[in-house]
Amino acid sequence: MDKQGQEKFLAFILQRVQEGKEEEAKAILTENFRKQDEGTFSQSDIAEFLPKIISLIKPEKLEEIQAIVKQFSGSFGSK
C-alpha cells in the first residue's frame, strides 16, 4: 500500500474508532505501515492486528471494518 493508500486507510479506520481510542488505533496502524514500508509485514502481523483494532472499533461499524480488513489482507496475501 502506498503512502496515499495508508493515509486513506488510517482516516477510514479512525472515523470508526470508539471515542478516546483514536491514538491507540493510530499507533497500531502506524506500526503496521512501518512494517509494510520495510517489507517485513506478514500474515502473522495481520493476525495480530485484527483483534487489536477490532477491540477499538465502534460496535455498529464492526461489520464494515471486518469486510475492508478482509479485502486488504486478501490483497496483501496475493502479492
N, C-alpha and C. Protein backbone atom coordinates (compact mmCIF):
# COMPACT_ATOMS: atom_id res chain seq x y z
N MET A 1 0.86 -1.17 0.00
CA MET A 1 0.00 0.00 0.00
C MET A 1 0.90 1.24 0.00
N ASP A 2 0.63 2.16 -0.90
CA ASP A 2 1.43 3.38 -0.95
C ASP A 2 1.01 4.34 0.17
N LYS A 3 1.77 5.42 0.31
CA LYS A 3 1.51 6.39 1.39
C LYS A 3 0.10 6.95 1.32
N GLN A 4 -0.37 7.25 0.12
CA GLN A 4 -1.71 7.80 -0.03
C GLN A 4 -2.76 6.78 0.41
N GLY A 5 -2.55 5.52 0.04
CA GLY A 5 -3.46 4.45 0.45
C GLY A 5 -3.44 4.27 1.96
N GLN A 6 -2.25 4.36 2.55
CA GLN A 6 -2.13 4.24 4.01
C GLN A 6 -2.89 5.36 4.70
N GLU A 7 -2.75 6.57 4.19
CA GLU A 7 -3.45 7.72 4.79
C GLU A 7 -4.97 7.55 4.70
N LYS A 8 -5.45 7.07 3.56
CA LYS A 8 -6.89 6.85 3.39
C LYS A 8 -7.38 5.75 4.34
N PHE A 9 -6.61 4.67 4.45
CA PHE A 9 -6.97 3.56 5.34
C PHE A 9 -6.99 4.05 6.78
N LEU A 10 -5.97 4.82 7.17
CA LEU A 10 -5.90 5.37 8.52
C LEU A 10 -7.12 6.25 8.82
N ALA A 11 -7.44 7.15 7.90
CA ALA A 11 -8.60 8.04 8.09
C ALA A 11 -9.89 7.23 8.19
N PHE A 12 -10.03 6.23 7.33
CA PHE A 12 -11.22 5.38 7.33
C PHE A 12 -11.39 4.69 8.68
N ILE A 13 -10.31 4.10 9.18
CA ILE A 13 -10.37 3.40 10.47
C ILE A 13 -10.65 4.38 11.60
N LEU A 14 -9.92 5.48 11.63
CA LEU A 14 -10.07 6.43 12.74
C LEU A 14 -11.47 7.01 12.84
N GLN A 15 -12.17 7.11 11.71
CA GLN A 15 -13.55 7.62 11.72
C GLN A 15 -14.50 6.61 12.38
N ARG A 16 -14.05 5.37 12.52
CA ARG A 16 -14.92 4.32 13.03
C ARG A 16 -14.47 3.77 14.39
N VAL A 17 -13.48 4.43 14.97
CA VAL A 17 -12.94 4.00 16.27
C VAL A 17 -13.77 4.62 17.39
N GLN A 18 -13.87 3.90 18.50
CA GLN A 18 -14.58 4.40 19.66
C GLN A 18 -13.93 5.70 20.15
N GLU A 19 -14.76 6.58 20.69
CA GLU A 19 -14.24 7.84 21.21
C GLU A 19 -13.16 7.60 22.25
N GLY A 20 -12.07 8.33 22.13
CA GLY A 20 -10.97 8.20 23.08
C GLY A 20 -9.97 7.11 22.74
N LYS A 21 -10.23 6.34 21.69
CA LYS A 21 -9.34 5.24 21.30
C LYS A 21 -8.54 5.57 20.03
N GLU A 22 -8.67 6.79 19.55
CA GLU A 22 -8.05 7.17 18.29
C GLU A 22 -6.52 7.04 18.31
N GLU A 23 -5.90 7.52 19.37
CA GLU A 23 -4.44 7.48 19.44
C GLU A 23 -3.92 6.04 19.47
N GLU A 24 -4.60 5.18 20.21
CA GLU A 24 -4.21 3.77 20.26
C GLU A 24 -4.32 3.12 18.87
N ALA A 25 -5.42 3.40 18.19
CA ALA A 25 -5.61 2.85 16.84
C ALA A 25 -4.55 3.40 15.89
N LYS A 26 -4.27 4.68 15.99
CA LYS A 26 -3.28 5.30 15.12
C LYS A 26 -1.90 4.67 15.35
N ALA A 27 -1.56 4.39 16.59
CA ALA A 27 -0.26 3.77 16.90
C ALA A 27 -0.16 2.37 16.29
N ILE A 28 -1.23 1.60 16.39
CA ILE A 28 -1.25 0.24 15.82
C ILE A 28 -1.09 0.32 14.30
N LEU A 29 -1.84 1.19 13.67
CA LEU A 29 -1.78 1.32 12.21
C LEU A 29 -0.42 1.84 11.74
N THR A 30 0.11 2.82 12.46
CA THR A 30 1.41 3.38 12.08
C THR A 30 2.50 2.31 12.14
N GLU A 31 2.46 1.46 13.14
CA GLU A 31 3.43 0.37 13.25
C GLU A 31 3.28 -0.60 12.07
N ASN A 32 2.06 -0.94 11.72
CA ASN A 32 1.84 -1.82 10.57
C ASN A 32 2.32 -1.19 9.27
N PHE A 33 2.07 0.10 9.09
CA PHE A 33 2.53 0.79 7.90
C PHE A 33 4.06 0.80 7.83
N ARG A 34 4.70 1.00 8.97
CA ARG A 34 6.17 0.97 9.02
C ARG A 34 6.68 -0.39 8.54
N LYS A 35 6.07 -1.45 9.03
CA LYS A 35 6.47 -2.80 8.62
C LYS A 35 6.23 -3.01 7.13
N GLN A 36 5.13 -2.48 6.61
CA GLN A 36 4.86 -2.59 5.17
C GLN A 36 5.95 -1.88 4.38
N ASP A 37 6.30 -0.68 4.83
CA ASP A 37 7.33 0.11 4.14
C ASP A 37 8.67 -0.61 4.14
N GLU A 38 8.97 -1.32 5.23
CA GLU A 38 10.23 -2.05 5.36
C GLU A 38 10.20 -3.40 4.65
N GLY A 39 9.00 -3.84 4.27
CA GLY A 39 8.86 -5.13 3.62
C GLY A 39 8.83 -6.30 4.59
N THR A 40 8.56 -6.01 5.87
CA THR A 40 8.54 -7.06 6.90
C THR A 40 7.14 -7.40 7.37
N PHE A 41 6.12 -6.79 6.78
CA PHE A 41 4.74 -7.04 7.18
C PHE A 41 4.31 -8.42 6.71
N SER A 42 3.76 -9.23 7.61
CA SER A 42 3.45 -10.62 7.29
C SER A 42 2.01 -10.98 7.66
N GLN A 43 1.62 -12.19 7.29
CA GLN A 43 0.29 -12.69 7.67
C GLN A 43 0.15 -12.75 9.19
N SER A 44 1.22 -13.05 9.91
CA SER A 44 1.13 -13.09 11.37
C SER A 44 0.89 -11.68 11.93
N ASP A 45 1.41 -10.66 11.25
CA ASP A 45 1.12 -9.28 11.67
C ASP A 45 -0.37 -8.98 11.48
N ILE A 46 -0.93 -9.46 10.39
CA ILE A 46 -2.37 -9.27 10.15
C ILE A 46 -3.17 -9.97 11.25
N ALA A 47 -2.79 -11.19 11.58
CA ALA A 47 -3.49 -11.95 12.62
C ALA A 47 -3.40 -11.26 13.98
N GLU A 48 -2.30 -10.59 14.23
CA GLU A 48 -2.13 -9.85 15.49
C GLU A 48 -2.90 -8.54 15.46
N PHE A 49 -2.93 -7.90 14.29
CA PHE A 49 -3.59 -6.62 14.11
C PHE A 49 -5.10 -6.70 14.31
N LEU A 50 -5.72 -7.73 13.73
CA LEU A 50 -7.18 -7.83 13.73
C LEU A 50 -7.82 -7.71 15.11
N PRO A 51 -7.45 -8.57 16.08
CA PRO A 51 -8.13 -8.45 17.38
C PRO A 51 -7.87 -7.12 18.07
N LYS A 52 -6.68 -6.56 17.87
CA LYS A 52 -6.38 -5.26 18.49
C LYS A 52 -7.27 -4.18 17.93
N ILE A 53 -7.34 -4.09 16.61
CA ILE A 53 -8.09 -3.00 16.00
C ILE A 53 -9.59 -3.20 16.19
N ILE A 54 -10.05 -4.43 16.12
CA ILE A 54 -11.48 -4.71 16.30
C ILE A 54 -11.95 -4.29 17.69
N SER A 55 -11.09 -4.46 18.69
CA SER A 55 -11.47 -4.08 20.06
C SER A 55 -11.64 -2.57 20.21
N LEU A 56 -11.14 -1.80 19.26
CA LEU A 56 -11.22 -0.33 19.33
C LEU A 56 -12.34 0.26 18.48
N ILE A 57 -12.96 -0.57 17.65
CA ILE A 57 -13.98 -0.09 16.70
C ILE A 57 -15.35 0.03 17.37
N LYS A 58 -16.10 1.03 16.94
CA LYS A 58 -17.47 1.18 17.41
C LYS A 58 -18.25 -0.08 17.01
N PRO A 59 -19.04 -0.66 17.92
CA PRO A 59 -19.75 -1.91 17.60
C PRO A 59 -20.57 -1.84 16.32
N GLU A 60 -21.20 -0.71 16.05
CA GLU A 60 -22.04 -0.62 14.85
C GLU A 60 -21.22 -0.53 13.56
N LYS A 61 -19.92 -0.37 13.67
CA LYS A 61 -19.05 -0.28 12.49
C LYS A 61 -18.23 -1.55 12.26
N LEU A 62 -18.36 -2.53 13.14
CA LEU A 62 -17.53 -3.73 13.06
C LEU A 62 -17.64 -4.48 11.74
N GLU A 63 -18.85 -4.69 11.29
CA GLU A 63 -19.06 -5.46 10.06
C GLU A 63 -18.36 -4.77 8.88
N GLU A 64 -18.49 -3.47 8.80
CA GLU A 64 -17.87 -2.70 7.73
C GLU A 64 -16.34 -2.82 7.79
N ILE A 65 -15.78 -2.70 8.97
CA ILE A 65 -14.33 -2.79 9.15
C ILE A 65 -13.83 -4.19 8.82
N GLN A 66 -14.54 -5.20 9.28
CA GLN A 66 -14.12 -6.58 9.00
C GLN A 66 -14.07 -6.85 7.51
N ALA A 67 -15.03 -6.33 6.77
CA ALA A 67 -15.06 -6.53 5.31
C ALA A 67 -13.86 -5.85 4.65
N ILE A 68 -13.55 -4.65 5.07
CA ILE A 68 -12.42 -3.91 4.50
C ILE A 68 -11.10 -4.58 4.85
N VAL A 69 -10.94 -4.97 6.10
CA VAL A 69 -9.69 -5.62 6.52
C VAL A 69 -9.51 -6.95 5.82
N LYS A 70 -10.60 -7.68 5.64
CA LYS A 70 -10.53 -8.96 4.93
C LYS A 70 -10.08 -8.73 3.49
N GLN A 71 -10.63 -7.72 2.86
CA GLN A 71 -10.25 -7.38 1.49
C GLN A 71 -8.78 -6.97 1.45
N PHE A 72 -8.35 -6.15 2.39
CA PHE A 72 -6.96 -5.72 2.45
C PHE A 72 -6.02 -6.89 2.68
N SER A 73 -6.34 -7.75 3.63
CA SER A 73 -5.45 -8.87 3.93
C SER A 73 -5.41 -9.86 2.78
N GLY A 74 -6.50 -9.99 2.05
CA GLY A 74 -6.52 -10.86 0.88
C GLY A 74 -5.63 -10.33 -0.23
N SER A 75 -5.67 -9.03 -0.45
CA SER A 75 -4.82 -8.46 -1.50
C SER A 75 -3.37 -8.47 -1.06
N PHE A 76 -3.12 -8.36 0.23
CA PHE A 76 -1.76 -8.44 0.72
C PHE A 76 -1.18 -9.82 0.49
N GLY A 77 -1.99 -10.84 0.77
CA GLY A 77 -1.53 -12.22 0.64
C GLY A 77 -1.23 -12.63 -0.78
N SER A 78 -1.81 -11.95 -1.75
CA SER A 78 -1.61 -12.33 -3.15
C SER A 78 -0.39 -11.66 -3.78
N LYS A 79 0.27 -10.81 -3.05
CA LYS A 79 1.45 -10.10 -3.60
C LYS A 79 2.71 -10.88 -3.39
